Protein backbone atom coordinates (compact mmCIF):
# COMPACT_ATOMS: atom_id res chain seq x y z
CA UNK A 1 165.02 106.86 69.50
CA UNK A 2 163.13 108.15 66.27
CA UNK A 3 160.48 109.77 68.26
CA UNK A 4 163.04 111.44 70.42
CA UNK A 5 165.16 112.70 67.49
CA UNK A 6 161.83 113.93 65.68
CA UNK A 7 160.76 115.95 69.02
CA UNK A 8 164.25 117.67 69.30
CA UNK A 9 163.98 118.58 65.65
CA UNK A 10 160.33 119.71 66.03
CA UNK A 11 161.33 122.03 68.87
CA UNK A 12 164.18 123.40 66.89
CA UNK A 13 162.18 124.08 64.02
CA UNK A 14 159.53 125.79 65.99
CA UNK A 15 161.91 128.04 67.86
CA UNK A 16 164.03 128.99 64.74
CA UNK A 17 160.84 129.99 62.89
CA UNK A 18 160.27 132.63 65.38
CA UNK A 19 161.89 135.76 64.67
CA UNK A 20 162.30 136.38 68.41
CA UNK A 21 164.14 133.07 69.11
CA UNK A 22 167.86 132.64 69.28
CA UNK A 23 169.49 129.21 68.35
CA UNK A 24 173.18 128.66 69.35
CA UNK A 25 174.79 125.52 68.22
CA UNK A 26 177.83 124.16 70.05
CA UNK A 27 179.96 121.30 70.66
CA UNK A 28 180.51 119.48 73.95
CA UNK A 29 182.79 116.86 75.77
CA UNK A 30 183.40 115.60 79.24
CA UNK A 31 183.83 112.87 81.87
CA UNK A 32 181.33 110.17 83.16
CA UNK A 33 181.01 108.65 86.45
CA UNK A 34 178.58 106.06 85.97
CA UNK A 35 177.02 103.30 88.27
CA UNK A 36 174.69 100.18 87.85
CA UNK A 37 172.10 99.34 90.72
CA UNK A 38 170.18 96.06 90.84
CA UNK A 39 167.86 94.50 93.36
CA UNK A 40 169.84 91.22 93.04
CA UNK A 41 171.58 91.11 96.24
CA UNK A 42 174.36 88.70 95.01
CA UNK A 43 175.71 91.48 92.46
CA UNK A 44 177.74 94.43 93.44
CA UNK A 45 178.81 97.20 91.16
CA UNK A 46 181.28 100.13 91.42
CA UNK A 47 181.52 103.33 89.68
CA UNK A 48 183.07 103.27 86.17
CA UNK A 49 184.75 106.38 84.72
CA UNK A 50 183.93 107.11 81.01
CA UNK A 51 183.38 109.92 78.70
CA UNK A 52 180.86 111.58 76.70
CA UNK A 53 180.96 113.87 73.35
CA UNK A 54 178.64 115.38 71.09
CA UNK A 55 176.54 118.43 69.86
CA UNK A 56 174.14 120.63 71.27
CA UNK A 57 171.37 123.55 70.14
CA UNK A 58 170.72 126.11 72.77
CA UNK A 59 167.35 127.72 71.87
CA UNK A 60 165.62 130.62 73.58
CA UNK A 61 163.49 133.76 73.12
CA UNK A 62 165.37 137.06 73.36
CA UNK A 63 162.98 138.34 76.06
CA UNK A 64 162.74 135.02 78.17
CA UNK A 65 164.78 133.41 80.88
CA UNK A 66 163.54 130.02 79.53
CA UNK A 67 165.45 127.83 77.10
CA UNK A 68 165.21 124.38 75.46
CA UNK A 69 168.37 122.68 74.75
CA UNK A 70 168.38 119.46 72.82
CA UNK A 71 171.81 117.32 72.59
CA UNK A 72 172.97 114.55 70.89
CA UNK A 73 175.81 112.68 72.62
CA UNK A 74 177.94 109.61 72.53
CA UNK A 75 178.30 108.43 76.16
CA UNK A 76 180.65 105.44 77.56
CA UNK A 77 178.84 104.21 80.67
CA UNK A 78 178.53 101.02 82.84
CA UNK A 79 180.20 100.00 85.98
CA UNK A 80 183.08 97.76 87.37
CA UNK A 81 182.93 95.02 89.89
CA UNK A 82 185.37 92.54 91.81
CA UNK A 83 185.31 88.87 90.87
CA UNK A 84 184.59 86.62 93.63
CA UNK A 85 187.72 85.02 94.79
CA UNK A 86 190.08 86.95 92.72
CA UNK A 87 191.70 90.41 92.63
CA UNK A 88 190.67 90.87 89.00
CA UNK A 89 188.07 93.39 88.09
CA UNK A 90 185.31 93.12 85.58
CA UNK A 91 184.09 96.17 83.51
CA UNK A 92 180.87 96.44 81.98
CA UNK A 93 181.31 98.86 79.10
CA UNK A 94 177.87 100.39 77.74
CA UNK A 95 178.13 102.65 74.69
CA UNK A 96 175.02 104.87 74.31
CA UNK A 97 173.95 107.44 71.75
CA UNK A 98 171.96 109.60 74.27
CA UNK A 99 169.41 112.42 73.30
CA UNK A 100 168.52 114.73 76.22
CA UNK A 101 165.80 117.55 75.75
CA UNK A 102 166.64 119.83 78.61
CA UNK A 103 164.36 122.76 79.81
CA UNK A 104 166.71 125.43 81.24
CA UNK A 105 166.21 128.44 83.34
CA UNK A 106 168.91 131.14 82.66
CA UNK A 107 170.22 133.58 85.34
CA UNK A 108 171.61 136.99 84.08
CA UNK A 109 175.16 136.14 85.65
CA UNK A 110 175.66 133.08 82.95
CA UNK A 111 174.44 130.29 85.35
CA UNK A 112 171.53 127.85 84.10
CA UNK A 113 169.66 125.28 85.93
CA UNK A 114 168.43 122.46 83.74
CA UNK A 115 166.50 119.27 83.66
CA UNK A 116 164.34 117.20 81.04
CA UNK A 117 163.78 113.62 79.78
CA UNK A 118 166.74 111.66 78.10
CA UNK A 119 166.49 108.77 75.85
CA UNK A 120 169.28 106.47 75.16
CA UNK A 121 169.87 104.00 72.30
CA UNK A 122 172.32 101.17 73.23
CA UNK A 123 175.22 100.77 70.62
CA UNK A 124 177.42 98.57 72.23
CA UNK A 125 177.68 96.43 75.44
CA UNK A 126 180.86 94.40 76.36
CA UNK A 127 182.24 92.82 79.57
CA UNK A 128 186.12 92.94 79.92
CA UNK A 129 188.06 90.81 82.41
CA UNK A 130 191.74 91.45 82.08
CA UNK A 131 192.28 91.73 78.08
CA UNK A 132 189.24 89.30 77.22
CA UNK A 133 186.11 91.08 75.93
CA UNK A 134 182.73 89.37 75.53
CA UNK A 135 179.85 90.79 73.62
CA UNK A 136 176.80 91.11 76.06
CA UNK A 137 174.47 93.29 74.43
CA UNK A 138 171.71 90.67 74.23
CA UNK A 139 171.56 91.11 77.89
CA UNK A 140 170.49 94.81 77.59
CA UNK A 141 167.55 96.31 76.50
CA UNK A 142 168.16 98.33 73.30
CA UNK A 143 166.76 101.68 74.97
CA UNK A 144 167.10 103.51 78.03
CA UNK A 145 165.07 106.44 79.82
CA UNK A 146 166.64 108.68 82.32
CA UNK A 147 166.09 112.30 83.76
CA UNK A 148 168.97 114.69 83.91
CA UNK A 149 169.13 117.45 86.45
CA UNK A 150 171.99 119.77 86.43
CA UNK A 151 173.57 123.16 86.64
CA UNK A 152 175.70 124.96 83.79
CA UNK A 153 177.69 128.33 83.22
CA UNK A 154 178.23 130.04 80.11
CA UNK A 155 181.22 132.72 79.85
CA UNK A 156 181.11 135.67 77.51
CA UNK A 157 183.84 133.95 75.36
CA UNK A 158 181.35 131.09 74.38
CA UNK A 159 183.02 128.51 76.71
CA UNK A 160 180.80 126.81 79.33
CA UNK A 161 180.93 124.17 81.69
CA UNK A 162 178.12 122.16 83.24
CA UNK A 163 177.48 119.36 85.85
CA UNK A 164 174.53 116.96 85.89
CA UNK A 165 173.31 113.93 87.18
CA UNK A 166 171.14 111.55 85.18
CA UNK A 167 168.68 109.22 87.16
CA UNK A 168 168.06 106.07 85.37
CA UNK A 169 164.35 105.39 85.17
CA UNK A 170 163.92 102.39 83.07
CA UNK A 171 165.21 98.64 83.83
CA UNK A 172 168.07 97.76 81.57
CA UNK A 173 167.90 94.13 82.04
CA UNK A 174 166.52 92.28 78.87
CA UNK A 175 166.28 88.92 80.50
CA UNK A 176 162.76 88.05 81.80
CA UNK A 177 163.62 87.77 85.37
CA UNK A 178 162.83 89.46 88.78
CA UNK A 179 166.29 91.09 88.63
CA UNK A 180 165.95 94.70 87.91
CA UNK A 181 168.98 96.85 86.80
CA UNK A 182 169.16 100.59 86.49
CA UNK A 183 171.93 102.88 85.71
CA UNK A 184 172.81 106.21 86.96
CA UNK A 185 175.47 108.82 85.58
CA UNK A 186 177.16 111.92 86.89
CA UNK A 187 178.53 114.10 83.98
CA UNK A 188 180.99 117.06 84.10
CA UNK A 189 181.25 118.62 80.73
CA UNK A 190 183.06 121.57 78.84
CA UNK A 191 181.00 123.16 75.86
CA UNK A 192 181.49 125.92 73.42
CA UNK A 193 178.62 127.76 71.63
CA UNK A 194 179.62 129.10 68.24
CA UNK A 195 177.06 131.77 67.85
CA UNK A 196 176.80 134.99 70.13
CA UNK A 197 177.28 133.73 73.79
CA UNK A 198 176.55 137.14 75.26
CA UNK A 199 172.70 136.89 74.97
CA UNK A 200 171.69 134.93 77.91
CA UNK A 201 167.94 135.87 78.27
């Protein structure tokens, strides 16, 4: 986690030190549709709806279509499942502090395509069945790694929209077993850039 934060800070410092660079700060929030996938044939997970919120720094040179966008986001992820022999549903709620560092290509019409690495720090992990909650943080690794790929659009008012899919790369299972667990997450977000939004290249 510290390495990712240091890398994002270094990228921002290098870009800001260049007189030809533009750094636009912003806030962002939106919806998650997350899933857990396992090679354990006895376990079945369904999509869980959550949310994300945080801050971003959009950094690019004035004469370039390329940009770097580090973000710091709280993200509620996980999955839900049906209990065997019951109509009750079990929710796996995973709270992450995600730090994606996205490389973006910006088109002149406001659209951007983006991809990059993302490191996640597990803040909480709980299982919820009806009103009963159980702490299960010891069952999950404290860090995760994913590759988000997406598309965003920035209007001239500074308001923007983005959609991305984060492909989970690392095994989330903290137990020493042959059972592997990966998390994928679709996100739809709305963001706002405080500084001059009209500069897109």
